[in-house]
């Protein structure tokens, strides 16, 4: 089933990545030809994407709100990857694998922010569970500002079994857990093949997945608040893991 991506940044990155089958770019008839959407139009033209103009009211009806900035991109469904693709990417970059696992996150905003951080830190892949985890919906694409389109993202049926597979492939699997005091993220050796697990916004990592992790770690808190938002905590962990690799290739 086709989807509609909205907002300029997300649309432009989707076109630049060009991993999806793109049906057409829709522009509002009421918008001027020389406006803020010119970069989007140029990107579409460079890929020979069909461009159509429709009434602004029709756009609003398509996505259910007026937050479309007078431009929509009709695309086919997200092209999910395989874990083997992530290994291949890390090998191509001559790096040890750095993966992110999302355990039943529900907020498109949180997932989008995590994906944006993951892309910025050149994470080799992101793993989602099919059930009870938001997939790569248009809302997630928008929240990630299109970063999702540049990432390798897999959806798996059984996350616990997948973690066992990663461990057999010599990845160290750690779970972020605000309630543990034994292991601080800053004290861990993150310069290794690693997968970082982020749990649900309210309940954290499920018990089954917690038990599968090689270690549970927390982020040292210096202020008065007791915990961090899942997206912020995950972003910090990704950054620390990338920094532990001693350098970032440009």
C-alpha atoms as a PDB file:
ATOM      1  CA  UNK A   1       0.000   0.000   0.000  1.00  0.00           C
ATOM      2  CA  UNK A   2       1.308   3.427  -0.918  1.00  0.00           C
ATOM      3  CA  UNK A   3       2.173   6.039   1.731  1.00  0.00           C
ATOM      4  CA  UNK A   4       2.489   9.806   1.721  1.00  0.00           C
ATOM      5  CA  UNK A   5       5.540  11.452   3.240  1.00  0.00           C
ATOM      6  CA  UNK A   6       5.197  15.088   4.200  1.00  0.00           C
ATOM      7  CA  UNK A   7       7.459  17.983   5.199  1.00  0.00           C
ATOM      8  CA  UNK A   8      10.335  19.159   3.054  1.00  0.00           C
ATOM      9  CA  UNK A   9      13.319  17.677   4.883  1.00  0.00           C
ATOM     10  CA  UNK A  10      11.831  14.188   5.035  1.00  0.00           C
ATOM     11  CA  UNK A  11      10.790  14.325   1.378  1.00  0.00           C
ATOM     12  CA  UNK A  12      14.148  15.610   0.170  1.00  0.00           C
ATOM     13  CA  UNK A  13      16.079  12.902   2.052  1.00  0.00           C
ATOM     14  CA  UNK A  14      13.722  10.210   0.747  1.00  0.00           C
ATOM     15  CA  UNK A  15      14.397  11.369  -2.793  1.00  0.00           C
ATOM     16  CA  UNK A  16      18.154  11.659  -2.255  1.00  0.00           C
ATOM     17  CA  UNK A  17      18.374   8.197  -0.681  1.00  0.00           C
ATOM     18  CA  UNK A  18      16.195   6.819  -3.500  1.00  0.00           C
ATOM     19  CA  UNK A  19      15.772   3.440  -1.836  1.00  0.00           C
ATOM     20  CA  UNK A  20      12.008   3.389  -2.108  1.00  0.00           C
ATOM     21  CA  UNK A  21       9.863   3.115  -5.193  1.00  0.00           C
ATOM     22  CA  UNK A  22       8.629   6.684  -5.590  1.00  0.00           C
ATOM     23  CA  UNK A  23       5.270   7.175  -7.306  1.00  0.00           C
ATOM     24  CA  UNK A  24       4.995  10.960  -7.615  1.00  0.00           C
ATOM     25  CA  UNK A  25       5.609  14.328  -5.989  1.00  0.00           C
ATOM     26  CA  UNK A  26       2.486  16.353  -5.233  1.00  0.00           C
ATOM     27  CA  UNK A  27       2.538  20.152  -5.015  1.00  0.00           C
ATOM     28  CA  UNK A  28      -0.280  22.432  -3.927  1.00  0.00           C
ATOM     29  CA  UNK A  29      -1.800  24.396  -6.811  1.00  0.00           C
ATOM     30  CA  UNK A  30      -1.976  27.447  -4.577  1.00  0.00           C
ATOM     31  CA  UNK A  31       1.775  27.563  -3.885  1.00  0.00           C
ATOM     32  CA  UNK A  32       3.993  29.760  -6.018  1.00  0.00           C
ATOM     33  CA  UNK A  33       6.487  28.211  -8.422  1.00  0.00           C
ATOM     34  CA  UNK A  34       9.360  30.083  -6.726  1.00  0.00           C
ATOM     35  CA  UNK A  35       9.019  29.087  -3.077  1.00  0.00           C
ATOM     36  CA  UNK A  36      10.619  27.048  -0.314  1.00  0.00           C
ATOM     37  CA  UNK A  37       9.767  23.816  -2.110  1.00  0.00           C
ATOM     38  CA  UNK A  38      12.147  24.572  -5.001  1.00  0.00           C
ATOM     39  CA  UNK A  39      14.858  22.278  -3.584  1.00  0.00           C
ATOM     40  CA  UNK A  40      12.344  19.440  -3.310  1.00  0.00           C
ATOM     41  CA  UNK A  41      11.265  20.001  -6.906  1.00  0.00           C
ATOM     42  CA  UNK A  42      14.865  20.107  -8.131  1.00  0.00           C
ATOM     43  CA  UNK A  43      15.612  16.848  -6.299  1.00  0.00           C
ATOM     44  CA  UNK A  44      12.568  15.204  -7.873  1.00  0.00           C
ATOM     45  CA  UNK A  45      13.491  16.439 -11.329  1.00  0.00           C
ATOM     46  CA  UNK A  46      17.015  15.093 -10.943  1.00  0.00           C
ATOM     47  CA  UNK A  47      15.513  11.612 -10.401  1.00  0.00           C
ATOM     48  CA  UNK A  48      12.877  12.039 -13.153  1.00  0.00           C
ATOM     49  CA  UNK A  49      10.070  11.728 -10.596  1.00  0.00           C
ATOM     50  CA  UNK A  50       6.584  12.559 -11.805  1.00  0.00           C
ATOM     51  CA  UNK A  51       5.325  15.912 -10.445  1.00  0.00           C
ATOM     52  CA  UNK A  52       1.636  16.803 -10.161  1.00  0.00           C
ATOM     53  CA  UNK A  53      -0.301  19.761  -8.740  1.00  0.00           C
ATOM     54  CA  UNK A  54      -3.454  19.255  -6.703  1.00  0.00           C
ATOM     55  CA  UNK A  55      -5.589  21.562  -4.513  1.00  0.00           C
ATOM     56  CA  UNK A  56      -4.181  22.281  -1.057  1.00  0.00           C
ATOM     57  CA  UNK A  57      -7.437  21.045   0.481  1.00  0.00           C
ATOM     58  CA  UNK A  58      -6.921  17.673  -1.175  1.00  0.00           C
ATOM     59  CA  UNK A  59      -3.458  17.433   0.377  1.00  0.00           C
ATOM     60  CA  UNK A  60      -4.916  18.170   3.787  1.00  0.00           C
ATOM     61  CA  UNK A  61      -7.442  15.399   3.247  1.00  0.00           C
ATOM     62  CA  UNK A  62      -4.775  12.893   2.261  1.00  0.00           C
ATOM     63  CA  UNK A  63      -2.728  13.177   5.479  1.00  0.00           C
ATOM     64  CA  UNK A  64      -5.525  14.342   7.771  1.00  0.00           C
ATOM     65  CA  UNK A  65      -3.976  17.689   8.715  1.00  0.00           C
ATOM     66  CA  UNK A  66      -2.577  20.825   7.147  1.00  0.00           C
ATOM     67  CA  UNK A  67       1.018  20.258   8.266  1.00  0.00           C
ATOM     68  CA  UNK A  68       2.196  19.312   4.780  1.00  0.00           C
ATOM     69  CA  UNK A  69       4.023  22.510   3.700  1.00  0.00           C
ATOM     70  CA  UNK A  70       2.267  22.300   0.316  1.00  0.00           C
ATOM     71  CA  UNK A  71       4.194  19.205  -0.733  1.00  0.00           C
ATOM     72  CA  UNK A  72       3.663  15.441  -0.446  1.00  0.00           C
ATOM     73  CA  UNK A  73       5.655  12.487  -1.747  1.00  0.00           C
ATOM     74  CA  UNK A  74       3.741   9.340  -2.642  1.00  0.00           C
ATOM     75  CA  UNK A  75       5.906   6.282  -2.116  1.00  0.00           C
ATOM     76  CA  UNK A  76       5.629   2.541  -1.786  1.00  0.00           C
ATOM     77  CA  UNK A  77       6.313   0.791   1.519  1.00  0.00           C
ATOM     78  CA  UNK A  78       9.619   1.027   3.363  1.00  0.00           C
ATOM     79  CA  UNK A  79      12.347  -1.381   2.136  1.00  0.00           C
ATOM     80  CA  UNK A  80      13.360  -3.257   5.278  1.00  0.00           C
ATOM     81  CA  UNK A  81      16.840  -4.795   5.332  1.00  0.00           C
ATOM     82  CA  UNK A  82      18.370  -7.996   6.687  1.00  0.00           C
ATOM     83  CA  UNK A  83      20.886  -8.229   9.509  1.00  0.00           C
ATOM     84  CA  UNK A  84      23.382  -9.640   7.015  1.00  0.00           C
ATOM     85  CA  UNK A  85      23.161  -6.318   5.153  1.00  0.00           C
ATOM     86  CA  UNK A  86      24.268  -4.543   8.342  1.00  0.00           C
ATOM     87  CA  UNK A  87      27.276  -6.818   8.707  1.00  0.00           C
ATOM     88  CA  UNK A  88      28.156  -6.169   5.083  1.00  0.00           C
ATOM     89  CA  UNK A  89      27.989  -2.407   5.629  1.00  0.00           C
ATOM     90  CA  UNK A  90      30.252  -2.550   8.681  1.00  0.00           C
ATOM     91  CA  UNK A  91      32.745  -4.678   6.738  1.00  0.00           C
ATOM     92  CA  UNK A  92      32.620  -2.244   3.815  1.00  0.00           C
ATOM     93  CA  UNK A  93      33.465   0.588   6.235  1.00  0.00           C
ATOM     94  CA  UNK A  94      36.166  -1.554   7.854  1.00  0.00           C
ATOM     95  CA  UNK A  95      34.444  -1.172  11.227  1.00  0.00           C
ATOM     96  CA  UNK A  96      33.141  -3.501  13.912  1.00  0.00           C
ATOM     97  CA  UNK A  97      29.319  -3.679  13.869  1.00  0.00           C
ATOM     98  CA  UNK A  98      27.387  -1.037  15.788  1.00  0.00           C
ATOM     99  CA  UNK A  99      23.678  -1.872  15.922  1.00  0.00           C
ATOM    100  CA  UNK A 100      20.640  -0.423  17.688  1.00  0.00           C
ATOM    101  CA  UNK A 101      17.738  -2.575  18.928  1.00  0.00           C
ATOM    102  CA  UNK A 102      14.375  -1.022  19.792  1.00  0.00           C
ATOM    103  CA  UNK A 103      12.249  -3.158  22.118  1.00  0.00           C
ATOM    104  CA  UNK A 104       8.584  -2.221  21.698  1.00  0.00           C
ATOM    105  CA  UNK A 105       8.966   1.546  21.429  1.00  0.00           C
ATOM    106  CA  UNK A 106       5.609   3.117  20.665  1.00  0.00           C
ATOM    107  CA  UNK A 107       6.256   6.797  20.013  1.00  0.00           C
ATOM    108  CA  UNK A 108       6.994   7.777  16.387  1.00  0.00           C
ATOM    109  CA  UNK A 109       8.742  10.878  17.759  1.00  0.00           C
ATOM    110  CA  UNK A 110      11.089   8.857  19.950  1.00  0.00           C
ATOM    111  CA  UNK A 111      11.835   6.358  17.197  1.00  0.00           C
ATOM    112  CA  UNK A 112      12.392   9.172  14.717  1.00  0.00           C
ATOM    113  CA  UNK A 113      14.823  10.972  17.015  1.00  0.00           C
ATOM    114  CA  UNK A 114      16.726   7.760  17.674  1.00  0.00           C
ATOM    115  CA  UNK A 115      16.975   7.054  13.959  1.00  0.00           C
ATOM    116  CA  UNK A 116      18.288  10.545  13.349  1.00  0.00           C
ATOM    117  CA  UNK A 117      20.982  10.023  15.988  1.00  0.00           C
ATOM    118  CA  UNK A 118      21.752   6.575  14.611  1.00  0.00           C
ATOM    119  CA  UNK A 119      22.260   7.935  11.108  1.00  0.00           C
ATOM    120  CA  UNK A 120      24.394  10.820  12.383  1.00  0.00           C
ATOM    121  CA  UNK A 121      26.666   8.395  14.248  1.00  0.00           C
ATOM    122  CA  UNK A 122      26.793   5.970  11.307  1.00  0.00           C
ATOM    123  CA  UNK A 123      25.109   3.072  13.077  1.00  0.00           C
ATOM    124  CA  UNK A 124      25.246   0.078  10.753  1.00  0.00           C
ATOM    125  CA  UNK A 125      21.670  -1.001  11.368  1.00  0.00           C
ATOM    126  CA  UNK A 126      18.555  -0.792  13.510  1.00  0.00           C
ATOM    127  CA  UNK A 127      16.445  -3.787  14.547  1.00  0.00           C
ATOM    128  CA  UNK A 128      12.730  -3.582  15.389  1.00  0.00           C
ATOM    129  CA  UNK A 129      10.321  -6.273  16.511  1.00  0.00           C
ATOM    130  CA  UNK A 130       7.304  -6.614  14.214  1.00  0.00           C
ATOM    131  CA  UNK A 131       4.760  -6.850  17.030  1.00  0.00           C
ATOM    132  CA  UNK A 132       4.082  -3.914  19.388  1.00  0.00           C
ATOM    133  CA  UNK A 133       6.780  -1.703  17.924  1.00  0.00           C
ATOM    134  CA  UNK A 134       6.015   1.141  15.550  1.00  0.00           C
ATOM    135  CA  UNK A 135       7.424   0.455  12.092  1.00  0.00           C
ATOM    136  CA  UNK A 136       8.805   2.999   9.664  1.00  0.00           C
ATOM    137  CA  UNK A 137       5.603   4.941   9.116  1.00  0.00           C
ATOM    138  CA  UNK A 138       5.374   8.373   7.469  1.00  0.00           C
ATOM    139  CA  UNK A 139       5.213   9.852  10.983  1.00  0.00           C
ATOM    140  CA  UNK A 140       8.531   8.182  11.858  1.00  0.00           C
ATOM    141  CA  UNK A 141      10.105   9.353   8.602  1.00  0.00           C
ATOM    142  CA  UNK A 142       9.035  12.917   9.391  1.00  0.00           C
ATOM    143  CA  UNK A 143      10.264  12.722  13.003  1.00  0.00           C
ATOM    144  CA  UNK A 144      13.634  11.433  11.788  1.00  0.00           C
ATOM    145  CA  UNK A 145      13.761  14.254   9.197  1.00  0.00           C
ATOM    146  CA  UNK A 146      14.339  11.573   6.579  1.00  0.00           C
ATOM    147  CA  UNK A 147      17.229   9.848   8.364  1.00  0.00           C
ATOM    148  CA  UNK A 148      15.251   6.595   8.228  1.00  0.00           C
ATOM    149  CA  UNK A 149      15.692   6.541   4.454  1.00  0.00           C
ATOM    150  CA  UNK A 150      19.485   6.338   4.743  1.00  0.00           C
ATOM    151  CA  UNK A 151      19.533   3.586   7.384  1.00  0.00           C
ATOM    152  CA  UNK A 152      19.390  -0.193   7.202  1.00  0.00           C
ATOM    153  CA  UNK A 153      16.414  -1.179   9.360  1.00  0.00           C
ATOM    154  CA  UNK A 154      15.238  -4.752   9.931  1.00  0.00           C
ATOM    155  CA  UNK A 155      11.981  -6.043  11.411  1.00  0.00           C
ATOM    156  CA  UNK A 156      12.164  -9.403  13.148  1.00  0.00           C
ATOM    157  CA  UNK A 157       9.484 -11.745  14.444  1.00  0.00           C
ATOM    158  CA  UNK A 158      11.315 -12.896  17.575  1.00  0.00           C
ATOM    159  CA  UNK A 159      13.643 -10.345  19.154  1.00  0.00           C
ATOM    160  CA  UNK A 160      14.993 -12.731  21.802  1.00  0.00           C
ATOM    161  CA  UNK A 161      15.994 -15.233  19.125  1.00  0.00           C
ATOM    162  CA  UNK A 162      17.598 -12.440  17.110  1.00  0.00           C
ATOM    163  CA  UNK A 163      19.690 -11.375  20.112  1.00  0.00           C
ATOM    164  CA  UNK A 164      20.885 -14.974  20.482  1.00  0.00           C
ATOM    165  CA  UNK A 165      21.875 -14.878  16.814  1.00  0.00           C
ATOM    166  CA  UNK A 166      23.786 -11.622  17.299  1.00  0.00           C
ATOM    167  CA  UNK A 167      25.625 -13.076  20.285  1.00  0.00           C
ATOM    168  CA  UNK A 168      26.583 -16.141  18.280  1.00  0.00           C
ATOM    169  CA  UNK A 169      27.981 -13.696  15.714  1.00  0.00           C
ATOM    170  CA  UNK A 170      30.208 -12.274  18.491  1.00  0.00           C
ATOM    171  CA  UNK A 171      28.246  -9.097  19.172  1.00  0.00           C
ATOM    172  CA  UNK A 172      28.051  -7.870  22.756  1.00  0.00           C
ATOM    173  CA  UNK A 173      24.444  -6.963  23.567  1.00  0.00           C
ATOM    174  CA  UNK A 174      23.828  -4.327  26.245  1.00  0.00           C
ATOM    175  CA  UNK A 175      20.523  -2.969  27.471  1.00  0.00           C
ATOM    176  CA  UNK A 176      19.998   0.565  28.779  1.00  0.00           C
ATOM    177  CA  UNK A 177      18.334   0.289  32.172  1.00  0.00           C
ATOM    178  CA  UNK A 178      17.938   3.303  34.437  1.00  0.00           C
ATOM    179  CA  UNK A 179      17.341   1.022  37.427  1.00  0.00           C
ATOM    180  CA  UNK A 180      20.716  -0.698  37.425  1.00  0.00           C
ATOM    181  CA  UNK A 181      23.497   0.811  39.508  1.00  0.00           C
ATOM    182  CA  UNK A 182      26.160  -1.809  38.922  1.00  0.00           C
ATOM    183  CA  UNK A 183      27.267  -0.912  35.405  1.00  0.00           C
ATOM    184  CA  UNK A 184      27.668   2.655  34.176  1.00  0.00           C
ATOM    185  CA  UNK A 185      27.789   3.234  30.439  1.00  0.00           C
ATOM    186  CA  UNK A 186      30.827   5.487  30.855  1.00  0.00           C
ATOM    187  CA  UNK A 187      32.761   2.611  32.467  1.00  0.00           C
ATOM    188  CA  UNK A 188      31.999   0.013  29.796  1.00  0.00           C
ATOM    189  CA  UNK A 189      34.380  -1.027  27.023  1.00  0.00           C
ATOM    190  CA  UNK A 190      32.306  -0.067  23.994  1.00  0.00           C
ATOM    191  CA  UNK A 191      35.114  -0.455  21.470  1.00  0.00           C
ATOM    192  CA  UNK A 192      33.820  -3.777  20.193  1.00  0.00           C
ATOM    193  CA  UNK A 193      31.080  -5.266  18.037  1.00  0.00           C
ATOM    194  CA  UNK A 194      28.015  -4.154  19.933  1.00  0.00           C
ATOM    195  CA  UNK A 195      24.224  -3.945  19.856  1.00  0.00           C
ATOM    196  CA  UNK A 196      22.481  -1.467  22.164  1.00  0.00           C
ATOM    197  CA  UNK A 197      18.938  -2.220  23.332  1.00  0.00           C
ATOM    198  CA  UNK A 198      16.483   0.600  24.102  1.00  0.00           C
ATOM    199  CA  UNK A 199      13.253  -0.331  25.863  1.00  0.00           C
ATOM    200  CA  UNK A 200       9.674   0.897  25.823  1.00  0.00           C
ATOM    201  CA  UNK A 201       9.094   4.488  26.910  1.00  0.00           C
ATOM    202  CA  UNK A 202       7.062   3.498  29.965  1.00  0.00           C
ATOM    203  CA  UNK A 203       8.087  -0.003  30.978  1.00  0.00           C
ATOM    204  CA  UNK A 204      11.627  -0.226  29.676  1.00  0.00           C
ATOM    205  CA  UNK A 205      13.154  -3.422  28.345  1.00  0.00           C
ATOM    206  CA  UNK A 206      11.005  -6.522  28.730  1.00  0.00           C
ATOM    207  CA  UNK A 207      12.170  -9.132  31.242  1.00  0.00           C
ATOM    208  CA  UNK A 208      12.820 -11.738  28.552  1.00  0.00           C
ATOM    209  CA  UNK A 209      15.022  -9.314  26.619  1.00  0.00           C
ATOM    210  CA  UNK A 210      16.743  -8.080  29.795  1.00  0.00           C
ATOM    211  CA  UNK A 211      17.721 -11.651  30.591  1.00  0.00           C
ATOM    212  CA  UNK A 212      19.139 -12.094  27.103  1.00  0.00           C
ATOM    213  CA  UNK A 213      21.439  -9.065  27.346  1.00  0.00           C
ATOM    214  CA  UNK A 214      25.112  -9.588  28.151  1.00  0.00           C
ATOM    215  CA  UNK A 215      24.965  -6.551  30.435  1.00  0.00           C
ATOM    216  CA  UNK A 216      22.526  -3.923  31.657  1.00  0.00           C
ATOM    217  CA  UNK A 217      23.949  -0.434  31.915  1.00  0.00           C
ATOM    218  CA  UNK A 218      22.784   2.962  33.091  1.00  0.00           C
ATOM    219  CA  UNK A 219      23.814   6.523  32.316  1.00  0.00           C
ATOM    220  CA  UNK A 220      25.343   8.439  35.185  1.00  0.00           C
ATOM    221  CA  UNK A 221      22.999  11.273  36.232  1.00  0.00           C
ATOM    222  CA  UNK A 222      24.552  14.386  37.760  1.00  0.00           C
ATOM    223  CA  UNK A 223      21.459  16.550  38.047  1.00  0.00           C
ATOM    224  CA  UNK A 224      18.240  16.252  40.026  1.00  0.00           C
ATOM    225  CA  UNK A 225      16.161  14.276  37.524  1.00  0.00           C
ATOM    226  CA  UNK A 226      16.243  10.495  37.873  1.00  0.00           C
ATOM    227  CA  UNK A 227      15.924   9.314  34.292  1.00  0.00           C
ATOM    228  CA  UNK A 228      16.145  10.331  30.654  1.00  0.00           C
ATOM    229  CA  UNK A 229      13.721  10.076  27.769  1.00  0.00           C
ATOM    230  CA  UNK A 230      14.300   6.900  25.730  1.00  0.00           C
ATOM    231  CA  UNK A 231      15.393   8.848  22.659  1.00  0.00           C
ATOM    232  CA  UNK A 232      17.872  10.974  24.610  1.00  0.00           C
ATOM    233  CA  UNK A 233      19.319   8.032  26.534  1.00  0.00           C
ATOM    234  CA  UNK A 234      19.661   5.998  23.351  1.00  0.00           C
ATOM    235  CA  UNK A 235      21.325   8.876  21.544  1.00  0.00           C
ATOM    236  CA  UNK A 236      23.880   9.254  24.328  1.00  0.00           C
ATOM    237  CA  UNK A 237      24.655   5.528  24.206  1.00  0.00           C
ATOM    238  CA  UNK A 238      25.110   5.600  20.430  1.00  0.00           C
ATOM    239  CA  UNK A 239      27.452   8.569  20.700  1.00  0.00           C
ATOM    240  CA  UNK A 240      29.512   6.907  23.448  1.00  0.00           C
ATOM    241  CA  UNK A 241      29.820   3.727  21.404  1.00  0.00           C
ATOM    242  CA  UNK A 242      30.976   5.655  18.350  1.00  0.00           C
ATOM    243  CA  UNK A 243      33.438   7.716  20.398  1.00  0.00           C
ATOM    244  CA  UNK A 244      34.876   4.520  21.869  1.00  0.00           C
ATOM    245  CA  UNK A 245      36.026   3.576  18.399  1.00  0.00           C
ATOM    246  CA  UNK A 246      38.684   6.308  18.853  1.00  0.00           C
ATOM    247  CA  UNK A 247      37.959   8.124  15.620  1.00  0.00           C
ATOM    248  CA  UNK A 248      35.201   8.864  13.151  1.00  0.00           C
ATOM    249  CA  UNK A 249      36.091   8.395   9.523  1.00  0.00           C
ATOM    250  CA  UNK A 250      34.944  11.262   7.340  1.00  0.00           C
END
